[in-house]
């Protein structure tokens, strides 16, 4: 196998095709519907952030990047409280384990995020968070949550 051979790392974000399709899908949704798209995802690799955000920016799509700051212990508790596949407890446990294995990388990503990232307090209620994001996206105002 050659030097350019790809091998599965266990993280879908490492798939170049996934990153390209995410950017293309976001651009397509905005072009088609002329509405903001909210994506609940943390890109933890700075090169991937640059790649995806760069493709969106190159298409002329305005980008508002929000990061929900949640303490690691709270995030872990939230993962434990979720049910991903209720009819398959073994798979449910695997998914929880996979999510929890990525918590440290996601929380550490805070230090590598773009300078214009808007940080939201993860202890704020969902309604307040949604309103803060709506205000920022529709009016360009400052987020107070």
C-alpha atoms as a PDB file:
ATOM      1  CA  UNK A   1       0.000   0.000   0.000  1.00  0.00           C
ATOM      2  CA  UNK A   2       1.273   3.450  -0.930  1.00  0.00           C
ATOM      3  CA  UNK A   3       2.043   6.432   1.256  1.00  0.00           C
ATOM      4  CA  UNK A   4      -1.280   8.015   0.317  1.00  0.00           C
ATOM      5  CA  UNK A   5      -3.242   5.050   1.628  1.00  0.00           C
ATOM      6  CA  UNK A   6      -5.929   6.114   4.075  1.00  0.00           C
ATOM      7  CA  UNK A   7      -6.773   4.203   7.223  1.00  0.00           C
ATOM      8  CA  UNK A   8      -9.848   4.501   9.472  1.00  0.00           C
ATOM      9  CA  UNK A   9      -9.089   6.409  12.684  1.00  0.00           C
ATOM     10  CA  UNK A  10     -12.470   5.893  14.320  1.00  0.00           C
ATOM     11  CA  UNK A  11     -13.426   9.559  13.926  1.00  0.00           C
ATOM     12  CA  UNK A  12     -15.619  10.545  10.977  1.00  0.00           C
ATOM     13  CA  UNK A  13     -14.174  14.087  11.050  1.00  0.00           C
ATOM     14  CA  UNK A  14     -10.932  12.594   9.726  1.00  0.00           C
ATOM     15  CA  UNK A  15     -12.720  11.680   6.507  1.00  0.00           C
ATOM     16  CA  UNK A  16     -11.843  14.326   3.924  1.00  0.00           C
ATOM     17  CA  UNK A  17     -14.984  13.441   1.976  1.00  0.00           C
ATOM     18  CA  UNK A  18     -17.134  14.045   5.094  1.00  0.00           C
ATOM     19  CA  UNK A  19     -15.618  17.509   5.597  1.00  0.00           C
ATOM     20  CA  UNK A  20     -16.080  18.416   1.939  1.00  0.00           C
ATOM     21  CA  UNK A  21     -19.687  17.202   1.932  1.00  0.00           C
ATOM     22  CA  UNK A  22     -20.488  19.106   5.134  1.00  0.00           C
ATOM     23  CA  UNK A  23     -19.272  22.354   3.572  1.00  0.00           C
ATOM     24  CA  UNK A  24     -21.054  21.665   0.273  1.00  0.00           C
ATOM     25  CA  UNK A  25     -24.305  20.761   2.065  1.00  0.00           C
ATOM     26  CA  UNK A  26     -24.243  23.944   4.157  1.00  0.00           C
ATOM     27  CA  UNK A  27     -23.561  26.110   1.129  1.00  0.00           C
ATOM     28  CA  UNK A  28     -26.323  24.331  -0.808  1.00  0.00           C
ATOM     29  CA  UNK A  29     -28.859  24.716   2.000  1.00  0.00           C
ATOM     30  CA  UNK A  30     -28.196  28.437   2.321  1.00  0.00           C
ATOM     31  CA  UNK A  31     -28.320  28.951  -1.454  1.00  0.00           C
ATOM     32  CA  UNK A  32     -31.534  26.953  -1.765  1.00  0.00           C
ATOM     33  CA  UNK A  33     -33.459  28.271   1.241  1.00  0.00           C
ATOM     34  CA  UNK A  34     -31.796  31.651   1.922  1.00  0.00           C
ATOM     35  CA  UNK A  35     -31.917  31.015   5.669  1.00  0.00           C
ATOM     36  CA  UNK A  36     -29.252  30.498   8.307  1.00  0.00           C
ATOM     37  CA  UNK A  37     -28.237  26.939   9.048  1.00  0.00           C
ATOM     38  CA  UNK A  38     -27.404  25.908  12.611  1.00  0.00           C
ATOM     39  CA  UNK A  39     -25.010  22.989  12.950  1.00  0.00           C
ATOM     40  CA  UNK A  40     -24.530  21.426  16.400  1.00  0.00           C
ATOM     41  CA  UNK A  41     -20.998  20.192  15.801  1.00  0.00           C
ATOM     42  CA  UNK A  42     -17.545  20.815  17.196  1.00  0.00           C
ATOM     43  CA  UNK A  43     -14.668  20.543  14.769  1.00  0.00           C
ATOM     44  CA  UNK A  44     -11.700  19.857  17.044  1.00  0.00           C
ATOM     45  CA  UNK A  45      -8.863  19.861  14.516  1.00  0.00           C
ATOM     46  CA  UNK A  46      -7.834  23.441  13.586  1.00  0.00           C
ATOM     47  CA  UNK A  47      -6.966  22.322  10.050  1.00  0.00           C
ATOM     48  CA  UNK A  48     -10.475  20.913   9.640  1.00  0.00           C
ATOM     49  CA  UNK A  49     -11.989  24.148  10.953  1.00  0.00           C
ATOM     50  CA  UNK A  50      -9.967  26.096   8.387  1.00  0.00           C
ATOM     51  CA  UNK A  51     -10.941  23.674   5.618  1.00  0.00           C
ATOM     52  CA  UNK A  52     -14.700  23.664   6.289  1.00  0.00           C
ATOM     53  CA  UNK A  53     -15.016  27.341   7.251  1.00  0.00           C
ATOM     54  CA  UNK A  54     -12.789  28.310   4.311  1.00  0.00           C
ATOM     55  CA  UNK A  55     -15.033  26.480   1.837  1.00  0.00           C
ATOM     56  CA  UNK A  56     -18.117  28.155   3.290  1.00  0.00           C
ATOM     57  CA  UNK A  57     -16.451  31.578   3.217  1.00  0.00           C
ATOM     58  CA  UNK A  58     -15.221  31.056  -0.353  1.00  0.00           C
ATOM     59  CA  UNK A  59     -18.859  30.577  -1.372  1.00  0.00           C
ATOM     60  CA  UNK A  60     -19.691  33.976   0.133  1.00  0.00           C
ATOM     61  CA  UNK A  61     -21.835  32.506   2.897  1.00  0.00           C
ATOM     62  CA  UNK A  62     -21.705  34.490   6.171  1.00  0.00           C
ATOM     63  CA  UNK A  63     -20.580  32.331   9.047  1.00  0.00           C
ATOM     64  CA  UNK A  64     -21.336  32.796  12.731  1.00  0.00           C
ATOM     65  CA  UNK A  65     -19.397  30.344  14.836  1.00  0.00           C
ATOM     66  CA  UNK A  66     -20.771  29.560  18.288  1.00  0.00           C
ATOM     67  CA  UNK A  67     -19.201  27.311  20.887  1.00  0.00           C
ATOM     68  CA  UNK A  68     -21.202  26.093  23.852  1.00  0.00           C
ATOM     69  CA  UNK A  69     -18.848  26.036  26.831  1.00  0.00           C
ATOM     70  CA  UNK A  70     -19.868  23.183  29.092  1.00  0.00           C
ATOM     71  CA  UNK A  71     -17.699  21.834  31.909  1.00  0.00           C
ATOM     72  CA  UNK A  72     -16.305  18.382  31.127  1.00  0.00           C
ATOM     73  CA  UNK A  73     -18.130  16.708  34.024  1.00  0.00           C
ATOM     74  CA  UNK A  74     -21.468  18.222  32.953  1.00  0.00           C
ATOM     75  CA  UNK A  75     -20.920  17.151  29.345  1.00  0.00           C
ATOM     76  CA  UNK A  76     -20.114  13.613  30.461  1.00  0.00           C
ATOM     77  CA  UNK A  77     -23.258  13.518  32.617  1.00  0.00           C
ATOM     78  CA  UNK A  78     -25.349  14.720  29.651  1.00  0.00           C
ATOM     79  CA  UNK A  79     -23.917  11.973  27.458  1.00  0.00           C
ATOM     80  CA  UNK A  80     -24.701   9.383  30.147  1.00  0.00           C
ATOM     81  CA  UNK A  81     -28.299  10.658  30.354  1.00  0.00           C
ATOM     82  CA  UNK A  82     -28.920  10.311  26.611  1.00  0.00           C
ATOM     83  CA  UNK A  83     -30.184   7.230  24.865  1.00  0.00           C
ATOM     84  CA  UNK A  84     -28.883   6.827  21.340  1.00  0.00           C
ATOM     85  CA  UNK A  85     -30.274   3.381  20.496  1.00  0.00           C
ATOM     86  CA  UNK A  86     -32.766   2.419  23.226  1.00  0.00           C
ATOM     87  CA  UNK A  87     -33.543  -0.935  21.629  1.00  0.00           C
ATOM     88  CA  UNK A  88     -29.857  -1.954  21.598  1.00  0.00           C
ATOM     89  CA  UNK A  89     -28.192  -1.402  25.004  1.00  0.00           C
ATOM     90  CA  UNK A  90     -24.839  -2.767  23.825  1.00  0.00           C
ATOM     91  CA  UNK A  91     -24.688  -0.366  20.902  1.00  0.00           C
ATOM     92  CA  UNK A  92     -25.930   2.414  23.175  1.00  0.00           C
ATOM     93  CA  UNK A  93     -22.971   1.779  25.491  1.00  0.00           C
ATOM     94  CA  UNK A  94     -20.525   1.824  22.542  1.00  0.00           C
ATOM     95  CA  UNK A  95     -21.895   5.148  21.300  1.00  0.00           C
ATOM     96  CA  UNK A  96     -21.682   6.672  24.790  1.00  0.00           C
ATOM     97  CA  UNK A  97     -18.106   5.432  25.142  1.00  0.00           C
ATOM     98  CA  UNK A  98     -17.196   6.892  21.725  1.00  0.00           C
ATOM     99  CA  UNK A  99     -18.725  10.265  22.673  1.00  0.00           C
ATOM    100  CA  UNK A 100     -17.001  10.334  26.060  1.00  0.00           C
ATOM    101  CA  UNK A 101     -13.642   9.490  24.470  1.00  0.00           C
ATOM    102  CA  UNK A 102     -13.925  12.754  22.521  1.00  0.00           C
ATOM    103  CA  UNK A 103     -14.962  15.053  25.377  1.00  0.00           C
ATOM    104  CA  UNK A 104     -11.416  16.061  26.328  1.00  0.00           C
ATOM    105  CA  UNK A 105     -10.511  16.927  22.724  1.00  0.00           C
ATOM    106  CA  UNK A 106     -13.703  18.951  22.300  1.00  0.00           C
ATOM    107  CA  UNK A 107     -13.220  20.941  25.483  1.00  0.00           C
ATOM    108  CA  UNK A 108      -9.530  21.489  24.635  1.00  0.00           C
ATOM    109  CA  UNK A 109     -10.535  22.825  21.211  1.00  0.00           C
ATOM    110  CA  UNK A 110     -11.556  26.077  22.904  1.00  0.00           C
ATOM    111  CA  UNK A 111      -7.960  27.273  22.723  1.00  0.00           C
ATOM    112  CA  UNK A 112      -7.713  26.696  18.955  1.00  0.00           C
ATOM    113  CA  UNK A 113     -11.013  28.146  17.745  1.00  0.00           C
ATOM    114  CA  UNK A 114     -11.133  31.141  15.383  1.00  0.00           C
ATOM    115  CA  UNK A 115     -10.890  34.555  17.031  1.00  0.00           C
ATOM    116  CA  UNK A 116     -14.451  35.514  16.051  1.00  0.00           C
ATOM    117  CA  UNK A 117     -15.968  32.479  17.783  1.00  0.00           C
ATOM    118  CA  UNK A 118     -18.852  33.427  20.082  1.00  0.00           C
ATOM    119  CA  UNK A 119     -18.720  31.511  23.348  1.00  0.00           C
ATOM    120  CA  UNK A 120     -22.018  30.658  24.992  1.00  0.00           C
ATOM    121  CA  UNK A 121     -22.486  29.582  28.592  1.00  0.00           C
ATOM    122  CA  UNK A 122     -23.545  25.920  28.605  1.00  0.00           C
ATOM    123  CA  UNK A 123     -25.282  26.385  31.937  1.00  0.00           C
ATOM    124  CA  UNK A 124     -27.774  28.795  30.328  1.00  0.00           C
ATOM    125  CA  UNK A 125     -31.192  27.370  29.477  1.00  0.00           C
ATOM    126  CA  UNK A 126     -32.003  26.280  25.914  1.00  0.00           C
ATOM    127  CA  UNK A 127     -34.524  29.084  25.325  1.00  0.00           C
ATOM    128  CA  UNK A 128     -32.087  31.798  26.350  1.00  0.00           C
ATOM    129  CA  UNK A 129     -29.336  30.257  24.245  1.00  0.00           C
ATOM    130  CA  UNK A 130     -31.591  30.045  21.213  1.00  0.00           C
ATOM    131  CA  UNK A 131     -32.590  33.679  21.625  1.00  0.00           C
ATOM    132  CA  UNK A 132     -28.947  34.790  21.970  1.00  0.00           C
ATOM    133  CA  UNK A 133     -28.024  32.940  18.771  1.00  0.00           C
ATOM    134  CA  UNK A 134     -31.065  34.314  16.940  1.00  0.00           C
ATOM    135  CA  UNK A 135     -30.162  37.877  17.949  1.00  0.00           C
ATOM    136  CA  UNK A 136     -26.572  37.434  16.800  1.00  0.00           C
ATOM    137  CA  UNK A 137     -27.478  35.903  13.465  1.00  0.00           C
ATOM    138  CA  UNK A 138     -30.342  38.233  12.555  1.00  0.00           C
ATOM    139  CA  UNK A 139     -29.017  41.522  13.877  1.00  0.00           C
ATOM    140  CA  UNK A 140     -25.284  41.020  14.248  1.00  0.00           C
ATOM    141  CA  UNK A 141     -25.709  41.963  17.902  1.00  0.00           C
ATOM    142  CA  UNK A 142     -23.536  40.878  20.762  1.00  0.00           C
ATOM    143  CA  UNK A 143     -24.409  37.669  22.524  1.00  0.00           C
ATOM    144  CA  UNK A 144     -25.175  38.121  26.191  1.00  0.00           C
ATOM    145  CA  UNK A 145     -25.831  34.499  27.174  1.00  0.00           C
END
